[in-house]
Protein backbone atom coordinates (compact mmCIF):
# COMPACT_ATOMS: atom_id res chain seq x y z
CA MET A 1 0.00 0.02 0.01
CA THR A 2 1.37 3.39 -0.92
CA GLN A 3 1.40 6.38 1.37
CA THR A 4 -1.28 8.07 -0.79
CA GLU A 5 -3.56 5.00 -0.61
CA PHE A 6 -3.10 4.92 3.16
CA LEU A 7 -3.91 8.58 3.48
CA ASN A 8 -7.01 8.19 1.31
CA ILE A 9 -8.30 5.58 3.75
CA VAL A 10 -7.34 7.34 7.00
CA MET A 11 -7.82 11.02 6.35
CA PRO A 12 -11.64 11.01 6.18
CA PHE A 13 -11.88 9.92 9.85
CA LYS A 14 -8.71 11.43 11.31
CA ASP A 15 -10.67 14.37 12.84
CA LYS A 16 -13.11 11.97 14.49
CA VAL A 17 -10.16 10.15 16.11
CA PHE A 18 -8.91 13.49 17.38
CA ARG A 19 -12.28 14.55 18.77
CA LEU A 20 -12.75 11.27 20.63
CA ALA A 21 -9.24 11.57 22.03
CA LYS A 22 -9.93 15.18 23.07
CA ARG A 23 -13.20 14.21 24.73
CA LEU A 24 -11.43 11.54 26.78
CA LEU A 25 -8.11 13.23 27.43
CA VAL A 26 -9.32 16.87 27.40
CA SER A 27 -5.95 18.38 26.62
CA THR A 28 -5.50 19.37 22.96
CA GLU A 29 -1.83 18.38 23.11
CA GLU A 30 -2.62 15.00 24.60
CA ALA A 31 -5.31 14.42 21.98
CA GLU A 32 -2.91 15.35 19.19
CA ASP A 33 -0.35 12.92 20.59
CA ALA A 34 -2.99 10.17 20.86
CA THR A 35 -4.16 10.82 17.31
CA GLN A 36 -0.57 10.61 16.07
CA GLU A 37 -0.01 7.35 17.99
CA VAL A 38 -3.13 5.80 16.50
CA LEU A 39 -2.15 6.86 13.00
CA ILE A 40 1.35 5.39 13.49
CA LYS A 41 -0.21 2.13 14.70
CA LEU A 42 -2.50 2.12 11.66
CA TRP A 43 0.45 2.72 9.35
CA ASN A 44 2.40 -0.12 10.97
CA ASN A 45 -0.60 -2.47 10.60
CA GLN A 46 -1.76 -1.44 7.13
CA SER A 47 -1.04 -4.90 5.80
CA LYS A 48 -3.92 -6.16 8.02
CA PHE A 49 -6.52 -3.64 6.69
CA GLU A 50 -8.18 -6.40 4.64
CA GLU A 51 -8.89 -8.28 7.87
CA PHE A 52 -10.91 -5.41 9.31
CA LYS A 53 -14.53 -4.97 8.33
CA ASN A 54 -14.33 -1.28 9.08
CA VAL A 55 -10.94 0.47 9.44
CA GLU A 56 -12.65 3.53 10.87
CA ALA A 57 -14.36 1.60 13.65
CA PHE A 58 -11.12 -0.22 14.33
CA SER A 59 -9.26 3.09 14.64
CA MET A 60 -11.90 4.49 17.01
CA THR A 61 -11.53 1.39 19.17
CA MET A 62 -7.74 1.88 19.11
CA THR A 63 -8.22 5.51 20.13
CA LYS A 64 -10.57 4.61 22.96
CA ASN A 65 -8.18 1.98 24.32
CA PHE A 66 -5.12 4.22 23.95
CA CYS A 67 -6.85 7.10 25.75
CA LEU A 68 -8.16 4.93 28.55
CA ASP A 69 -4.67 3.50 29.09
CA LYS A 70 -3.28 7.05 29.16
CA LEU A 71 -5.90 8.12 31.68
CA LYS A 72 -5.03 5.21 33.89
CA SER A 73 -1.37 6.26 33.82
CA LYS A 74 0.27 8.98 35.83
CA GLN A 75 -1.03 11.87 33.75
CA ALA A 76 -4.72 11.47 34.61
CA GLN A 77 -4.80 13.95 37.48
CA ASN A 78 -4.28 17.16 35.47
CA LEU A 79 -6.92 16.80 32.77
CA LYS A 80 -10.14 18.80 32.46
CA ILE A 81 -12.72 19.08 29.71
CA VAL A 82 -13.23 22.06 27.49
CA HIS A 83 -15.63 21.46 24.62
CA SER A 84 -16.14 24.30 22.13
CA ASN A 85 -16.86 23.23 18.60
CA TYR A 86 -19.86 25.54 18.26
CA GLN A 87 -19.70 28.80 16.29
CA ASP A 88 -22.43 30.94 14.81
CA HIS A 89 -21.44 34.45 13.74
CA ASN A 90 -25.02 35.62 13.07
CA ILE A 91 -26.28 35.80 16.65
CA SER A 92 -26.39 38.58 19.21
CA LEU A 93 -23.72 38.97 21.86
CA GLN A 94 -26.21 37.99 24.61
CA LYS A 95 -27.24 34.85 22.78
CA ASP A 96 -23.60 34.05 22.09
CA ILE A 97 -22.76 34.31 25.77
CA GLU A 98 -25.74 32.16 26.71
CA ASN A 99 -24.77 29.50 24.15
CA LYS A 100 -21.16 29.43 25.36
CA ASP A 101 -22.37 29.21 28.94
CA SER A 102 -24.62 26.29 28.07
CA LEU A 103 -21.87 24.54 26.15
CA ASP A 104 -19.57 25.06 29.10
CA TRP A 105 -22.15 23.53 31.44
CA VAL A 106 -22.69 20.58 29.13
CA GLY A 107 -18.93 20.06 28.88
CA ARG A 108 -18.57 20.02 32.65
CA ILE A 109 -21.53 17.71 33.06
CA ILE A 110 -20.10 15.30 30.45
CA ALA A 111 -16.74 15.46 32.19
CA ASP A 112 -18.40 14.21 35.39
CA LEU A 113 -20.14 11.29 33.71
CA PRO A 114 -18.76 7.76 34.11
CA GLU A 115 -16.20 6.89 31.41
CA GLN A 116 -18.56 4.53 29.55
CA GLN A 117 -21.34 7.11 29.40
CA LYS A 118 -18.85 9.81 28.37
CA MET A 119 -17.63 7.68 25.42
CA VAL A 120 -21.13 6.69 24.33
CA ILE A 121 -22.40 10.27 24.34
CA GLN A 122 -19.30 11.43 22.44
CA LEU A 123 -19.59 8.74 19.79
CA ARG A 124 -23.38 8.97 19.36
CA ASP A 125 -24.38 12.57 19.87
CA ILE A 126 -21.18 14.31 18.81
CA GLU A 127 -19.59 11.99 16.25
CA GLN A 128 -22.98 10.69 15.01
CA TYR A 129 -22.06 7.00 14.94
CA GLU A 130 -24.79 4.41 14.72
CA LEU A 131 -25.57 2.29 17.80
CA ASP A 132 -24.28 -0.88 16.09
CA GLU A 133 -20.97 0.84 15.33
CA ILE A 134 -20.66 2.09 18.91
CA SER A 135 -21.39 -1.35 20.38
CA GLU A 136 -18.67 -2.81 18.16
CA MET A 137 -16.16 -0.02 19.01
CA LEU A 138 -16.74 -0.27 22.74
CA ASP A 139 -17.25 -4.02 22.79
CA MET A 140 -20.67 -3.67 24.39
CA ASN A 141 -24.05 -5.11 23.41
CA ASN A 142 -26.61 -2.82 21.83
CA THR A 143 -28.81 -2.77 24.87
CA ALA A 144 -25.92 -1.64 27.11
CA VAL A 145 -25.08 1.14 24.70
CA ARG A 146 -28.68 2.37 24.62
CA VAL A 147 -28.88 2.21 28.42
CA ALA A 148 -25.59 4.12 28.84
CA LEU A 149 -26.71 6.71 26.29
CA SER A 150 -30.10 7.12 27.94
CA ARG A 151 -28.57 7.49 31.38
CA ALA A 152 -25.98 10.01 30.10
CA ARG A 153 -28.65 12.12 28.38
CA LYS A 154 -30.89 11.97 31.44
CA THR A 155 -28.03 13.13 33.70
CA ILE A 156 -27.16 15.95 31.30
CA ARG A 157 -30.80 17.03 31.01
CA GLU A 158 -31.41 16.94 34.79
CA LYS A 159 -28.23 18.82 35.65
CA LEU A 160 -28.84 21.45 32.94
CA THR A 161 -32.46 21.88 34.12
CA ASN A 162 -31.33 22.23 37.73
CA THR A 163 -28.62 24.72 36.81
CA HIS A 164 -30.74 26.91 34.58
CA SER A 165 -33.82 26.86 36.79
CA TYR A 166 -31.88 27.51 40.03
CA GLY A 167 -33.53 30.26 42.00
CA ILE A 168 -36.76 30.10 39.96
CA LYS A 169 -39.72 28.84 42.00
């Protein structure tokens, strides 16, 4: 396989790998390092691509495992989540501040979710993967993925509702 062929396979989902790594590791630098490590592993294993049903799903699984290993290591104490991939230049300053505040709250709520729920919400609601793909990536059955997703969404909804209705009776 040539370098160009490899890049044609890997480049369409490289950003998804980065976003998953960023969601789990939080630090942009750590996520960039994780993405680079996954791409190097893919390059080194390109001869096995035919064995994989879905190279993208395999790379997301590799990313998840790499990030979880990294989190278990010594560096896990310093990480915090900052999620800001939302931009709309056609809204008022007040609305912009409200949106950023809501995104900040959601980011903090997601950061406090259990790891499994955090990964499921990232893969489903942010990366837009199908439930079957998520269950394969995370080595979970479909029902467990749906339950984790439901619990994560419920937690986010409850905490957002409590935060934004605080003081209103």
